[in-house]
Protein backbone atom coordinates (compact mmCIF):
# COMPACT_ATOMS: atom_id res chain seq x y z
CA UNK A 1 28.61 63.00 3.54
CA UNK A 2 29.31 63.25 0.08
CA UNK A 3 26.61 61.33 -2.69
CA UNK A 4 30.44 59.35 -3.76
CA UNK A 5 30.85 57.98 0.10
CA UNK A 6 27.17 56.95 0.30
CA UNK A 7 27.43 55.05 -3.09
CA UNK A 8 30.59 53.58 -2.06
CA UNK A 9 29.28 52.82 1.44
CA UNK A 10 26.21 51.28 -0.32
CA UNK A 11 28.05 49.20 -2.67
CA UNK A 12 30.65 47.76 0.17
CA UNK A 13 27.18 46.85 2.42
CA UNK A 14 25.95 44.92 -0.62
CA UNK A 15 29.21 42.90 -1.60
CA UNK A 16 29.20 41.98 2.79
CA UNK A 17 25.46 40.64 2.16
CA UNK A 18 26.32 38.99 -1.00
CA UNK A 19 29.62 37.31 0.60
CA UNK A 20 27.56 36.06 3.89
CA UNK A 21 24.86 35.19 1.37
CA UNK A 22 27.70 33.07 -0.65
CA UNK A 23 29.30 31.50 2.59
CA UNK A 24 26.01 30.41 3.80
CA UNK A 25 24.61 28.73 0.57
CA UNK A 26 28.26 26.72 0.42
CA UNK A 27 27.11 25.01 3.48
CA UNK A 28 27.01 21.20 2.76
CA UNK A 29 23.87 20.83 0.54
CA UNK A 30 24.67 17.33 0.51
CA UNK A 31 23.93 16.97 4.05
CA UNK A 32 21.51 14.19 4.31
CA UNK A 33 17.77 15.94 5.78
CA UNK A 34 16.84 12.42 7.17
CA UNK A 35 18.22 8.82 8.42
CA UNK A 36 18.24 6.60 5.48
CA UNK A 37 17.07 3.92 7.66
CA UNK A 38 13.58 6.20 7.48
CA UNK A 39 13.90 6.42 3.84
CA UNK A 40 14.02 2.92 3.71
CA UNK A 41 11.38 2.26 6.08
CA UNK A 42 9.10 4.43 4.03
CA UNK A 43 9.98 3.04 0.64
CA UNK A 44 8.86 -0.44 1.65
CA UNK A 45 5.77 0.76 3.23
CA UNK A 46 5.02 2.12 -0.37
CA UNK A 47 5.89 -1.25 -1.96
CA UNK A 48 3.84 -3.30 0.56
CA UNK A 49 1.10 -1.18 0.24
CA UNK A 50 1.13 -1.45 -3.76
CA UNK A 51 2.03 -5.44 -3.43
CA UNK A 52 -0.88 -5.93 -1.06
CA UNK A 53 -3.26 -4.41 -3.54
CA UNK A 54 -1.87 -6.52 -5.91
CA UNK A 55 -2.27 -9.72 -3.80
CA UNK A 56 -5.86 -8.71 -2.57
CA UNK A 57 -4.35 -8.76 0.69
CA UNK A 58 -6.72 -6.69 3.19
CA UNK A 59 -4.86 -7.26 6.48
CA UNK A 60 -1.54 -6.05 4.84
CA UNK A 61 -3.28 -2.93 3.49
CA UNK A 62 -4.78 -2.06 6.42
CA UNK A 63 -1.87 -2.61 8.53
CA UNK A 64 0.01 -0.05 6.90
CA UNK A 65 -2.34 2.73 8.33
CA UNK A 66 -2.31 4.38 11.39
CA UNK A 67 -5.98 4.12 13.28
CA UNK A 68 -6.79 7.94 12.38
CA UNK A 69 -5.74 7.48 8.87
CA UNK A 70 -7.78 9.56 5.87
CA UNK A 71 -8.08 8.83 2.60
CA UNK A 72 -9.22 11.28 -0.16
CA UNK A 73 -9.80 9.42 -3.23
CA UNK A 74 -10.33 11.26 -6.18
CA UNK A 75 -13.87 13.41 -6.62
CA UNK A 76 -15.14 11.90 -3.20
CA UNK A 77 -14.93 13.28 0.32
CA UNK A 78 -12.55 12.32 2.70
CA UNK A 79 -13.09 9.20 4.11
CA UNK A 80 -11.53 9.05 8.25
CA UNK A 81 -10.49 6.38 10.22
CA UNK A 82 -9.29 3.00 9.76
CA UNK A 83 -12.65 1.18 9.94
CA UNK A 84 -14.30 3.60 7.63
CA UNK A 85 -11.49 3.27 5.02
CA UNK A 86 -12.23 -0.74 5.33
CA UNK A 87 -16.02 -0.25 4.56
CA UNK A 88 -14.83 1.70 1.61
CA UNK A 89 -12.13 -0.39 0.37
CA UNK A 90 -13.32 -3.86 1.36
CA UNK A 91 -16.72 -3.82 1.85
CA UNK A 92 -18.36 -7.08 2.81
CA UNK A 93 -21.43 -6.71 0.46
CA UNK A 94 -20.31 -9.89 -2.02
CA UNK A 95 -18.82 -7.60 -4.35
CA UNK A 96 -15.45 -8.70 -5.50
CA UNK A 97 -12.66 -6.11 -7.10
CA UNK A 98 -9.68 -7.73 -8.41
CA UNK A 99 -6.95 -5.36 -9.04
CA UNK A 100 -5.47 -6.54 -12.39
CA UNK A 101 -2.58 -4.11 -12.34
CA UNK A 102 -1.32 -1.47 -9.92
CA UNK A 103 2.43 0.31 -10.71
CA UNK A 104 3.87 3.19 -9.45
CA UNK A 105 6.93 5.28 -9.65
CA UNK A 106 8.13 7.15 -6.26
CA UNK A 107 8.57 11.14 -7.71
CA UNK A 108 9.81 12.60 -4.44
CA UNK A 109 10.02 11.55 -1.11
CA UNK A 110 11.15 14.01 2.23
CA UNK A 111 11.40 13.27 5.47
CA UNK A 112 11.46 15.97 8.68
CA UNK A 113 11.43 14.82 11.84
CA UNK A 114 8.56 12.43 12.74
CA UNK A 115 6.69 13.28 9.00
CA UNK A 116 7.52 12.05 5.89
CA UNK A 117 6.08 12.85 2.35
CA UNK A 118 5.71 10.86 -0.89
CA UNK A 119 4.18 12.10 -4.17
CA UNK A 120 4.18 9.35 -7.06
CA UNK A 121 2.71 8.88 -10.25
CA UNK A 122 0.52 5.57 -10.48
CA UNK A 123 -1.42 3.44 -13.47
CA UNK A 124 -4.12 1.50 -12.03
CA UNK A 125 -6.19 -1.37 -13.68
CA UNK A 126 -8.93 -2.65 -11.90
CA UNK A 127 -12.43 -4.87 -12.15
CA UNK A 128 -15.58 -4.68 -10.55
CA UNK A 129 -18.31 -7.92 -9.87
CA UNK A 130 -21.51 -7.81 -7.84
CA UNK A 131 -24.44 -9.92 -8.68
CA UNK A 132 -25.15 -8.88 -12.31
CA UNK A 133 -22.72 -5.97 -12.32
CA UNK A 134 -19.33 -6.27 -13.99
CA UNK A 135 -17.59 -3.23 -14.65
CA UNK A 136 -13.51 -2.43 -15.16
CA UNK A 137 -11.43 1.25 -15.09
CA UNK A 138 -8.20 2.15 -15.92
CA UNK A 139 -6.64 5.09 -13.80
CA UNK A 140 -3.45 6.94 -14.03
CA UNK A 141 -3.03 9.51 -12.00
CA UNK A 142 -1.00 11.00 -8.81
CA UNK A 143 -0.91 10.36 -4.87
CA UNK A 144 0.17 12.04 -2.35
CA UNK A 145 0.78 10.00 0.68
CA UNK A 146 1.93 11.62 4.60
CA UNK A 147 3.50 9.10 7.16
CA UNK A 148 3.95 9.48 10.59
CA UNK A 149 6.36 8.06 12.84
CA UNK A 150 5.29 6.07 15.70
CA UNK A 151 6.25 5.73 19.26
CA UNK A 152 8.09 2.25 18.70
CA UNK A 153 9.94 4.07 15.70
CA UNK A 154 7.80 2.74 12.98
CA UNK A 155 6.18 4.49 10.21
CA UNK A 156 2.31 4.46 9.12
CA UNK A 157 0.05 6.00 6.76
CA UNK A 158 -1.52 8.85 8.08
CA UNK A 159 -3.18 10.59 5.23
CA UNK A 160 -3.37 9.85 1.17
CA UNK A 161 -5.02 11.34 -1.14
CA UNK A 162 -4.80 10.78 -5.21
CA UNK A 163 -6.38 12.88 -8.26
CA UNK A 164 -6.81 10.71 -11.53
CA UNK A 165 -5.21 12.44 -14.67
CA UNK A 166 -8.04 9.98 -16.71
CA UNK A 167 -9.81 7.00 -15.67
CA UNK A 168 -11.42 4.91 -18.71
CA UNK A 169 -13.60 2.52 -18.15
CA UNK A 170 -12.80 -0.94 -19.36
C-alpha cells in the first residue's frame, strides 16, 4: 500500500471516529438525570436542616439523619452514628449554643440512583455559653453532604463534611 493510500485511509478513519463522537455527543444532553421530586426532596431536607438550627430544634435536625450518619467538622475527626452526633451537637452538660445567623447557598446538586450529593457555601454565626464561659464564632465555608434514598422512598443525610474558609471569634 502506498503512503498516500495509508494517509487517506487514516484520515477517513479519523473522520469516521469524529463523526461517531459528534453523533453520540448530540444526544439529548438536556435529559434530566434524576426525578425532579427527588431534587425537591433534597432541597427540602437542606432547608429543614438550616431552619432546624435557626430554631434550635434538636429533633428536627436529628430526624434528617440516618442512624449510621457521619459528620466531619472542620479540623476534627469524623463523628459516626446518630447518638454520637447528638452528643457532639447537643451536649447535656448545661451549655447553650445559639445560632445567631445561618445562611447557605446550594452550589451543586446531583442525584445518581439512590445517592445524592450537594455542595453549598455557608455563613454561620453562633455563640456558646456555659457557666462563666461565653464566646462566639463567625464561620464562612463550604459543605458537602451525601444523602441516601431510604427503602420507603424518603431521603436522609448520610454523610456531611465542612471546611471553613475563615472562622473569626466574636
